[in-house]
Amino acid sequence: MPPDSSLSVAARLWLAFACFWRVLLDGSFAERVRAVTAGSDRPTSEPPPPPELPAAPPEPPADRGLALLSLLQREGRLVDFLEQDIVGFSDADVGAAARVVHDGCRKVLRGHAKLAPVRPEEEGTRVTVANGFSPSEIRLTGNVQGAAPFTGTLRHRGWRATDFRVPTAVQGSDPSVLAPAEVEL
């Protein structure tokens, strides 16, 4: 059967995701899929009408991310620092500005997140990465060959959020305004 080019890649990806879970959770649906993939367009029994696909999870409100960015701007002037062209500044000037940004942003981070290292060992320690490790927790770098277990030097312990509280935007305010313009009179 030729591929249906009328479905976008995103639509096909969502359909694949929804079908994956349906196959796992619905035996009769899995049987119909097996019949279709075996080359028969008709399953052995008459299929029931297709159920509705689960709704896509709602997008997290952008307001909350913007509220966090606004806090980083207010306390650490992060947006100002990142948007400033620092090419013409001396290293001492950049260092002094970075200290202010660091202190303010660290205050926000510590006020809204609890962090823990992914790996407990100290950086520079020789570690063994076991078979079945999670690539979201450990990134292998350097000359990666063969299969786990791998032995190497821990270059960064990684960070895991053990608790995170995203601030909510103040009702009635425009969350896209990260910092108001200041006019001195």
C-alpha atoms as a PDB file:
ATOM      1  CA  MET A   1       0.000   0.000   0.000  1.00  0.00           C
ATOM      2  CA  PRO A   2       1.624   3.341  -1.010  1.00  0.00           C
ATOM      3  CA  PRO A   3       2.189   5.896   1.774  1.00  0.00           C
ATOM      4  CA  ASP A   4      -0.518   8.511   2.197  1.00  0.00           C
ATOM      5  CA  SER A   5       1.125  11.805   1.329  1.00  0.00           C
ATOM      6  CA  SER A   6      -1.882  13.831   2.478  1.00  0.00           C
ATOM      7  CA  LEU A   7      -0.862  13.460   6.139  1.00  0.00           C
ATOM      8  CA  SER A   8       1.860  15.784   7.396  1.00  0.00           C
ATOM      9  CA  VAL A   9       4.873  14.397   9.212  1.00  0.00           C
ATOM     10  CA  ALA A  10       3.513  15.809  12.473  1.00  0.00           C
ATOM     11  CA  ALA A  11       0.119  14.148  11.898  1.00  0.00           C
ATOM     12  CA  ARG A  12       1.797  10.813  11.107  1.00  0.00           C
ATOM     13  CA  LEU A  13       3.994  11.125  14.209  1.00  0.00           C
ATOM     14  CA  TRP A  14       0.949  11.757  16.413  1.00  0.00           C
ATOM     15  CA  LEU A  15      -0.898   8.833  14.768  1.00  0.00           C
ATOM     16  CA  ALA A  16       2.090   6.539  15.386  1.00  0.00           C
ATOM     17  CA  PHE A  17       2.210   7.610  19.035  1.00  0.00           C
ATOM     18  CA  ALA A  18      -1.526   7.077  19.522  1.00  0.00           C
ATOM     19  CA  CYS A  19      -1.449   3.699  17.731  1.00  0.00           C
ATOM     20  CA  PHE A  20       1.501   2.537  19.825  1.00  0.00           C
ATOM     21  CA  TRP A  21      -0.488   2.992  23.034  1.00  0.00           C
ATOM     22  CA  ARG A  22      -3.671   1.538  21.517  1.00  0.00           C
ATOM     23  CA  VAL A  23      -1.779  -1.592  20.435  1.00  0.00           C
ATOM     24  CA  LEU A  24      -0.407  -1.993  23.965  1.00  0.00           C
ATOM     25  CA  LEU A  25      -3.726  -1.413  25.729  1.00  0.00           C
ATOM     26  CA  ASP A  26      -6.367  -2.775  23.306  1.00  0.00           C
ATOM     27  CA  GLY A  27      -6.009  -6.402  22.218  1.00  0.00           C
ATOM     28  CA  SER A  28      -8.676  -6.247  19.487  1.00  0.00           C
ATOM     29  CA  PHE A  29      -7.055  -3.151  17.983  1.00  0.00           C
ATOM     30  CA  ALA A  30      -3.675  -4.916  18.080  1.00  0.00           C
ATOM     31  CA  GLU A  31      -5.202  -7.881  16.213  1.00  0.00           C
ATOM     32  CA  ARG A  32      -6.558  -5.591  13.473  1.00  0.00           C
ATOM     33  CA  VAL A  33      -3.155  -3.879  13.140  1.00  0.00           C
ATOM     34  CA  ARG A  34      -1.474  -7.279  12.861  1.00  0.00           C
ATOM     35  CA  ALA A  35      -3.880  -8.285  10.080  1.00  0.00           C
ATOM     36  CA  VAL A  36      -3.177  -5.070   8.159  1.00  0.00           C
ATOM     37  CA  THR A  37       0.602  -5.353   8.551  1.00  0.00           C
ATOM     38  CA  ALA A  38       0.448  -8.997   7.443  1.00  0.00           C
ATOM     39  CA  GLY A  39      -0.778  -7.800   4.048  1.00  0.00           C
ATOM     40  CA  SER A  40      -4.499  -8.205   4.500  1.00  0.00           C
ATOM     41  CA  ASP A  41      -6.524  -5.023   4.510  1.00  0.00           C
ATOM     42  CA  ARG A  42      -9.408  -6.922   6.093  1.00  0.00           C
ATOM     43  CA  PRO A  43      -9.118  -8.282   9.614  1.00  0.00           C
ATOM     44  CA  THR A  44     -10.681 -11.654  10.332  1.00  0.00           C
ATOM     45  CA  SER A  45     -13.694 -10.088  12.082  1.00  0.00           C
ATOM     46  CA  GLU A  46     -15.627  -6.898  11.417  1.00  0.00           C
ATOM     47  CA  PRO A  47     -13.903  -4.108  13.357  1.00  0.00           C
ATOM     48  CA  PRO A  48     -15.898  -1.855  15.641  1.00  0.00           C
ATOM     49  CA  PRO A  49     -16.047   1.807  14.681  1.00  0.00           C
ATOM     50  CA  PRO A  50     -12.738   3.502  15.364  1.00  0.00           C
ATOM     51  CA  PRO A  51     -12.660   5.165  18.754  1.00  0.00           C
ATOM     52  CA  GLU A  52     -11.585   8.748  19.111  1.00  0.00           C
ATOM     53  CA  LEU A  53      -7.855   9.251  19.403  1.00  0.00           C
ATOM     54  CA  PRO A  54      -6.709  10.608  22.746  1.00  0.00           C
ATOM     55  CA  ALA A  55      -6.453  14.362  22.803  1.00  0.00           C
ATOM     56  CA  ALA A  56      -2.975  15.810  22.462  1.00  0.00           C
ATOM     57  CA  PRO A  57      -1.605  16.980  25.790  1.00  0.00           C
ATOM     58  CA  PRO A  58      -2.148  20.699  26.220  1.00  0.00           C
ATOM     59  CA  GLU A  59       0.775  22.981  25.558  1.00  0.00           C
ATOM     60  CA  PRO A  60       2.191  24.409  28.767  1.00  0.00           C
ATOM     61  CA  PRO A  61       1.169  28.025  29.050  1.00  0.00           C
ATOM     62  CA  ALA A  62       3.875  30.277  27.673  1.00  0.00           C
ATOM     63  CA  ASP A  63       2.997  32.766  30.401  1.00  0.00           C
ATOM     64  CA  ARG A  64       4.721  30.614  33.039  1.00  0.00           C
ATOM     65  CA  GLY A  65       7.989  30.380  31.114  1.00  0.00           C
ATOM     66  CA  LEU A  66       7.859  34.092  30.415  1.00  0.00           C
ATOM     67  CA  ALA A  67       7.223  34.750  34.118  1.00  0.00           C
ATOM     68  CA  LEU A  68      10.391  32.824  34.964  1.00  0.00           C
ATOM     69  CA  LEU A  69      12.359  34.702  32.310  1.00  0.00           C
ATOM     70  CA  SER A  70      10.961  37.941  33.695  1.00  0.00           C
ATOM     71  CA  LEU A  71      12.218  37.011  37.182  1.00  0.00           C
ATOM     72  CA  LEU A  72      15.668  36.235  35.779  1.00  0.00           C
ATOM     73  CA  GLN A  73      15.643  39.659  34.142  1.00  0.00           C
ATOM     74  CA  ARG A  74      14.381  41.492  37.220  1.00  0.00           C
ATOM     75  CA  GLU A  75      16.777  39.865  39.695  1.00  0.00           C
ATOM     76  CA  GLY A  76      19.804  39.195  37.491  1.00  0.00           C
ATOM     77  CA  ARG A  77      19.376  41.392  34.407  1.00  0.00           C
ATOM     78  CA  LEU A  78      19.891  38.205  32.357  1.00  0.00           C
ATOM     79  CA  VAL A  79      18.168  39.449  29.197  1.00  0.00           C
ATOM     80  CA  ASP A  80      20.096  42.733  29.340  1.00  0.00           C
ATOM     81  CA  PHE A  81      23.375  40.832  29.686  1.00  0.00           C
ATOM     82  CA  LEU A  82      22.636  38.394  26.854  1.00  0.00           C
ATOM     83  CA  GLU A  83      21.372  41.097  24.492  1.00  0.00           C
ATOM     84  CA  GLN A  84      24.348  43.396  25.150  1.00  0.00           C
ATOM     85  CA  ASP A  85      27.137  43.320  22.562  1.00  0.00           C
ATOM     86  CA  ILE A  86      30.139  42.696  24.826  1.00  0.00           C
ATOM     87  CA  VAL A  87      32.814  42.593  22.117  1.00  0.00           C
ATOM     88  CA  GLY A  88      34.073  46.100  22.945  1.00  0.00           C
ATOM     89  CA  PHE A  89      34.164  45.608  26.725  1.00  0.00           C
ATOM     90  CA  SER A  90      37.250  44.608  28.693  1.00  0.00           C
ATOM     91  CA  ASP A  91      37.388  41.229  30.403  1.00  0.00           C
ATOM     92  CA  ALA A  92      37.214  43.028  33.766  1.00  0.00           C
ATOM     93  CA  ASP A  93      33.986  44.821  32.744  1.00  0.00           C
ATOM     94  CA  VAL A  94      32.429  41.586  31.469  1.00  0.00           C
ATOM     95  CA  GLY A  95      33.496  39.794  34.647  1.00  0.00           C
ATOM     96  CA  ALA A  96      31.954  42.481  36.857  1.00  0.00           C
ATOM     97  CA  ALA A  97      28.684  42.328  34.900  1.00  0.00           C
ATOM     98  CA  ALA A  98      28.696  38.527  34.993  1.00  0.00           C
ATOM     99  CA  ARG A  99      29.017  38.599  38.791  1.00  0.00           C
ATOM    100  CA  VAL A 100      25.813  40.695  39.092  1.00  0.00           C
ATOM    101  CA  VAL A 101      23.960  38.450  36.619  1.00  0.00           C
ATOM    102  CA  HIS A 102      25.218  35.320  38.392  1.00  0.00           C
ATOM    103  CA  ASP A 103      24.135  36.477  41.846  1.00  0.00           C
ATOM    104  CA  GLY A 104      20.644  37.520  40.735  1.00  0.00           C
ATOM    105  CA  CYS A 105      19.949  34.492  38.554  1.00  0.00           C
ATOM    106  CA  ARG A 106      21.255  32.138  41.233  1.00  0.00           C
ATOM    107  CA  LYS A 107      18.830  33.722  43.712  1.00  0.00           C
ATOM    108  CA  VAL A 108      15.921  33.050  41.314  1.00  0.00           C
ATOM    109  CA  LEU A 109      17.076  29.493  40.598  1.00  0.00           C
ATOM    110  CA  ARG A 110      17.419  28.619  44.262  1.00  0.00           C
ATOM    111  CA  GLY A 111      14.056  30.198  45.035  1.00  0.00           C
ATOM    112  CA  HIS A 112      12.186  28.149  42.423  1.00  0.00           C
ATOM    113  CA  ALA A 113      14.116  24.900  41.960  1.00  0.00           C
ATOM    114  CA  LYS A 114      15.723  22.224  44.052  1.00  0.00           C
ATOM    115  CA  LEU A 115      18.595  20.604  42.165  1.00  0.00           C
ATOM    116  CA  ALA A 116      20.658  17.473  42.680  1.00  0.00           C
ATOM    117  CA  PRO A 117      23.543  16.038  40.687  1.00  0.00           C
ATOM    118  CA  VAL A 118      22.727  13.198  38.277  1.00  0.00           C
ATOM    119  CA  ARG A 119      25.917  11.378  39.292  1.00  0.00           C
ATOM    120  CA  PRO A 120      27.074  11.439  42.950  1.00  0.00           C
ATOM    121  CA  GLU A 121      30.807  11.100  42.198  1.00  0.00           C
ATOM    122  CA  GLU A 122      33.126  14.099  42.081  1.00  0.00           C
ATOM    123  CA  GLU A 123      34.140  15.429  38.664  1.00  0.00           C
ATOM    124  CA  GLY A 124      37.436  13.918  37.512  1.00  0.00           C
ATOM    125  CA  THR A 125      36.593  10.532  39.064  1.00  0.00           C
ATOM    126  CA  ARG A 126      36.789   7.326  36.980  1.00  0.00           C
ATOM    127  CA  VAL A 127      33.282   5.875  36.633  1.00  0.00           C
ATOM    128  CA  THR A 128      31.652   2.891  34.960  1.00  0.00           C
ATOM    129  CA  VAL A 129      28.469   3.418  32.960  1.00  0.00           C
ATOM    130  CA  ALA A 130      26.421   0.231  33.137  1.00  0.00           C
ATOM    131  CA  ASN A 131      24.496  -1.419  30.341  1.00  0.00           C
ATOM    132  CA  GLY A 132      20.973   0.017  30.066  1.00  0.00           C
ATOM    133  CA  PHE A 133      21.974   3.524  31.142  1.00  0.00           C
ATOM    134  CA  SER A 134      19.593   6.361  30.283  1.00  0.00           C
ATOM    135  CA  PRO A 135      20.905   8.666  27.516  1.00  0.00           C
ATOM    136  CA  SER A 136      18.825  11.470  29.035  1.00  0.00           C
ATOM    137  CA  GLU A 137      20.930  11.139  32.197  1.00  0.00           C
ATOM    138  CA  ILE A 138      24.358  10.345  30.753  1.00  0.00           C
ATOM    139  CA  ARG A 139      25.953  11.667  27.566  1.00  0.00           C
ATOM    140  CA  LEU A 140      28.988   9.737  26.396  1.00  0.00           C
ATOM    141  CA  THR A 141      31.702  11.846  24.749  1.00  0.00           C
ATOM    142  CA  GLY A 142      35.089  11.119  23.258  1.00  0.00           C
ATOM    143  CA  ASN A 143      35.934   7.844  21.516  1.00  0.00           C
ATOM    144  CA  VAL A 144      32.691   5.889  22.054  1.00  0.00           C
ATOM    145  CA  GLN A 145      32.992   2.372  20.667  1.00  0.00           C
ATOM    146  CA  GLY A 146      31.335  -0.932  21.391  1.00  0.00           C
ATOM    147  CA  ALA A 147      28.648  -1.599  23.953  1.00  0.00           C
ATOM    148  CA  ALA A 148      28.234  -0.842  27.654  1.00  0.00           C
ATOM    149  CA  PRO A 149      29.612  -1.091  30.230  1.00  0.00           C
ATOM    150  CA  PHE A 150      31.840   1.913  29.525  1.00  0.00           C
ATOM    151  CA  THR A 151      34.580   3.242  31.781  1.00  0.00           C
ATOM    152  CA  GLY A 152      35.641   6.860  31.601  1.00  0.00           C
ATOM    153  CA  THR A 153      36.260  10.086  33.484  1.00  0.00           C
ATOM    154  CA  LEU A 154      33.288  12.042  34.838  1.00  0.00           C
ATOM    155  CA  ARG A 155      33.613  15.511  33.290  1.00  0.00           C
ATOM    156  CA  HIS A 156      30.272  16.909  34.519  1.00  0.00           C
ATOM    157  CA  ARG A 157      27.999  15.482  37.201  1.00  0.00           C
ATOM    158  CA  GLY A 158      24.838  16.694  35.460  1.00  0.00           C
ATOM    159  CA  TRP A 159      21.822  18.274  37.129  1.00  0.00           C
ATOM    160  CA  ARG A 160      18.383  16.937  37.948  1.00  0.00           C
ATOM    161  CA  ALA A 161      15.474  19.056  39.174  1.00  0.00           C
ATOM    162  CA  THR A 162      14.001  17.357  42.226  1.00  0.00           C
ATOM    163  CA  ASP A 163      11.422  20.122  42.667  1.00  0.00           C
ATOM    164  CA  PHE A 164      10.442  23.017  40.436  1.00  0.00           C
ATOM    165  CA  ARG A 165       7.871  25.739  40.955  1.00  0.00           C
ATOM    166  CA  VAL A 166       7.246  27.913  37.939  1.00  0.00           C
ATOM    167  CA  PRO A 167       5.923  31.340  38.854  1.00  0.00           C
ATOM    168  CA  THR A 168       2.539  32.325  37.515  1.00  0.00           C
ATOM    169  CA  ALA A 169       2.071  35.582  35.679  1.00  0.00           C
ATOM    170  CA  VAL A 170       0.209  38.351  37.448  1.00  0.00           C
ATOM    171  CA  GLN A 171      -3.333  38.424  36.157  1.00  0.00           C
ATOM    172  CA  GLY A 172      -4.042  41.413  33.951  1.00  0.00           C
ATOM    173  CA  SER A 173      -0.392  41.952  33.058  1.00  0.00           C
ATOM    174  CA  ASP A 174       1.125  41.284  29.655  1.00  0.00           C
ATOM    175  CA  PRO A 175       3.345  38.220  30.156  1.00  0.00           C
ATOM    176  CA  SER A 176       5.330  39.021  27.014  1.00  0.00           C
ATOM    177  CA  VAL A 177       6.745  42.141  28.709  1.00  0.00           C
ATOM    178  CA  LEU A 178       9.789  40.752  30.505  1.00  0.00           C
ATOM    179  CA  ALA A 179      10.859  44.135  31.853  1.00  0.00           C
ATOM    180  CA  PRO A 180       9.030  47.404  31.493  1.00  0.00           C
ATOM    181  CA  ALA A 181      10.772  50.334  29.870  1.00  0.00           C
ATOM    182  CA  GLU A 182      12.074  52.767  32.462  1.00  0.00           C
ATOM    183  CA  VAL A 183      11.632  56.498  32.004  1.00  0.00           C
ATOM    184  CA  GLU A 184      13.347  58.780  34.488  1.00  0.00           C
ATOM    185  CA  LEU A 185      11.620  62.097  35.103  1.00  0.00           C
END
